[in-house]
Protein backbone atom coordinates (compact mmCIF):
# COMPACT_ATOMS: atom_id res chain seq x y z
CA MET A 1 127.25 108.51 128.81
CA ARG A 2 128.24 106.34 131.84
CA LYS A 3 131.55 106.36 133.10
CA ARG A 4 133.48 103.49 132.77
CA ASN A 5 133.97 102.77 136.51
CA GLU A 6 129.92 102.61 136.36
CA LEU A 7 130.02 99.49 133.92
CA PRO A 8 130.58 95.86 134.48
CA GLU A 9 134.38 94.78 134.49
CA CYS A 10 133.10 91.76 132.00
CA PRO A 11 132.94 93.11 128.43
CA VAL A 12 130.23 90.83 127.68
CA ALA A 13 127.99 92.00 130.76
CA THR A 14 129.10 95.98 129.48
CA THR A 15 127.44 95.11 125.76
CA VAL A 16 124.78 93.10 127.88
CA SER A 17 124.17 96.46 129.63
CA LEU A 18 123.92 98.47 126.45
CA ILE A 19 121.76 96.34 124.52
CA GLY A 20 120.40 93.70 126.91
CA ASN A 21 116.64 93.68 125.74
CA LYS A 22 114.85 92.52 122.28
CA TRP A 23 113.83 96.24 122.08
CA LYS A 24 116.90 97.58 122.26
CA LEU A 25 118.20 95.33 119.31
CA LEU A 26 115.31 95.66 117.41
CA ILE A 27 115.54 99.36 117.47
CA ILE A 28 119.22 99.47 116.37
CA ARG A 29 118.60 97.05 113.69
CA ASN A 30 116.18 99.56 112.17
CA LEU A 31 118.38 102.74 112.95
CA MET A 32 121.36 100.53 111.07
CA GLU A 33 119.12 101.34 107.97
CA ARG A 34 118.46 104.96 107.99
CA THR A 35 116.97 107.37 110.29
CA TRP A 36 113.78 106.81 111.77
CA ARG A 37 110.74 109.30 113.09
CA PHE A 38 109.52 108.39 116.34
CA ASN A 39 106.02 107.31 114.62
CA GLU A 40 108.21 104.94 112.09
CA LEU A 41 109.68 103.15 114.87
CA LEU A 42 106.50 102.86 117.22
CA LYS A 43 104.74 101.36 114.15
CA SER A 44 107.75 98.93 112.96
CA LEU A 45 107.79 97.55 116.45
CA ASP A 46 105.21 95.03 116.65
CA GLY A 47 103.98 95.15 120.15
CA ILE A 48 106.21 98.03 121.66
CA SER A 49 104.09 100.57 123.68
CA GLN A 50 104.88 104.11 123.34
CA LYS A 51 106.51 104.42 127.02
CA VAL A 52 108.53 101.34 126.63
CA LEU A 53 110.09 102.85 123.14
CA THR A 54 110.56 106.51 124.48
CA ASP A 55 112.52 104.73 127.64
CA ASN A 56 114.49 102.36 125.19
CA LEU A 57 115.32 105.52 123.23
CA ARG A 58 116.43 107.70 125.98
CA GLN A 59 118.90 105.13 127.48
CA LEU A 60 120.28 104.25 124.00
CA GLU A 61 121.08 108.20 123.48
CA ASN A 62 122.34 108.18 127.50
CA ASP A 63 124.75 105.53 126.34
CA GLY A 64 125.95 106.98 123.29
CA ILE A 65 124.68 104.40 120.62
CA ILE A 66 122.28 106.40 118.92
CA TYR A 67 121.63 110.16 118.43
CA ARG A 68 118.46 112.37 118.82
CA LYS A 69 117.73 115.13 116.30
CA ASP A 70 115.02 117.72 117.18
CA TYR A 71 114.24 120.21 114.13
CA LYS A 72 112.42 122.55 116.81
CA ILE A 73 109.71 122.90 114.04
CA ASN A 74 106.06 122.88 114.65
CA PRO A 75 104.41 120.32 114.18
CA PRO A 76 107.43 118.67 116.00
CA LYS A 77 109.93 116.83 113.90
CA VAL A 78 112.47 114.60 115.62
CA GLU A 79 114.80 111.87 114.14
CA TYR A 80 116.72 109.01 115.48
CA GLY A 81 120.13 107.73 114.01
CA MET A 82 122.86 105.76 114.86
CA THR A 83 126.20 107.46 116.18
CA LYS A 84 129.66 106.22 115.24
CA LEU A 85 129.99 104.28 118.07
CA GLY A 86 126.82 102.54 117.96
CA LEU A 87 127.61 101.82 114.22
CA GLU A 88 130.13 99.26 115.65
CA LEU A 89 127.11 97.25 116.90
CA SER A 90 126.72 96.50 113.44
CA LYS A 91 129.33 93.70 113.28
CA MET A 92 127.84 92.07 116.19
CA LEU A 93 124.32 92.06 114.73
CA ASP A 94 125.31 90.68 111.22
CA ILE A 95 126.65 87.45 113.19
CA MET A 96 123.44 87.51 115.47
CA ALA A 97 121.37 87.56 112.02
CA MET A 98 123.63 84.61 110.74
CA PHE A 99 123.62 82.24 113.63
CA GLY A 100 119.65 83.28 113.55
CA ASP A 101 119.60 81.95 110.11
CA PHE A 102 121.59 79.12 110.68
CA TYR A 103 119.88 78.04 113.79
CA LYS A 104 116.35 77.85 111.94
CA SER A 105 118.37 75.70 109.39
CA GLN A 106 119.17 72.97 112.00
CA ILE A 107 115.62 72.93 113.45
CA SER A 108 112.70 70.96 111.99
C-alpha cells in the first residue's frame, strides 16, 4: 500500500489515482457483487487483455482495494474480492450509476 506522502494532496486526485481508468472501475463493479476468479473477470470485461487485467488487479491489490486469495492447489485456484476499504467505493459507484442513468435519460 502506498504511504500518505506518496499520494496527491487533493482528495479527488487521490481517488483518481486509485481508480482512474475504466478497467479498474469495471473490475471494482464486478467485485462488488461477489468474489471472482481471474478467467471469469477476463471473460466478463469485453476488450480487456490478460496483461491489462493482471496489471490492474495487482495495482488494486497493492492499494488495498481488493484482496487476492490463492488456494495453493493444483490446478491453481485464485479468487479476487473487495477489502473493507474497497467496499467504501460502493457509494461512489452507486452515484456514478445514477448519474449515468440520468445522463442517458437527458440525451436523445
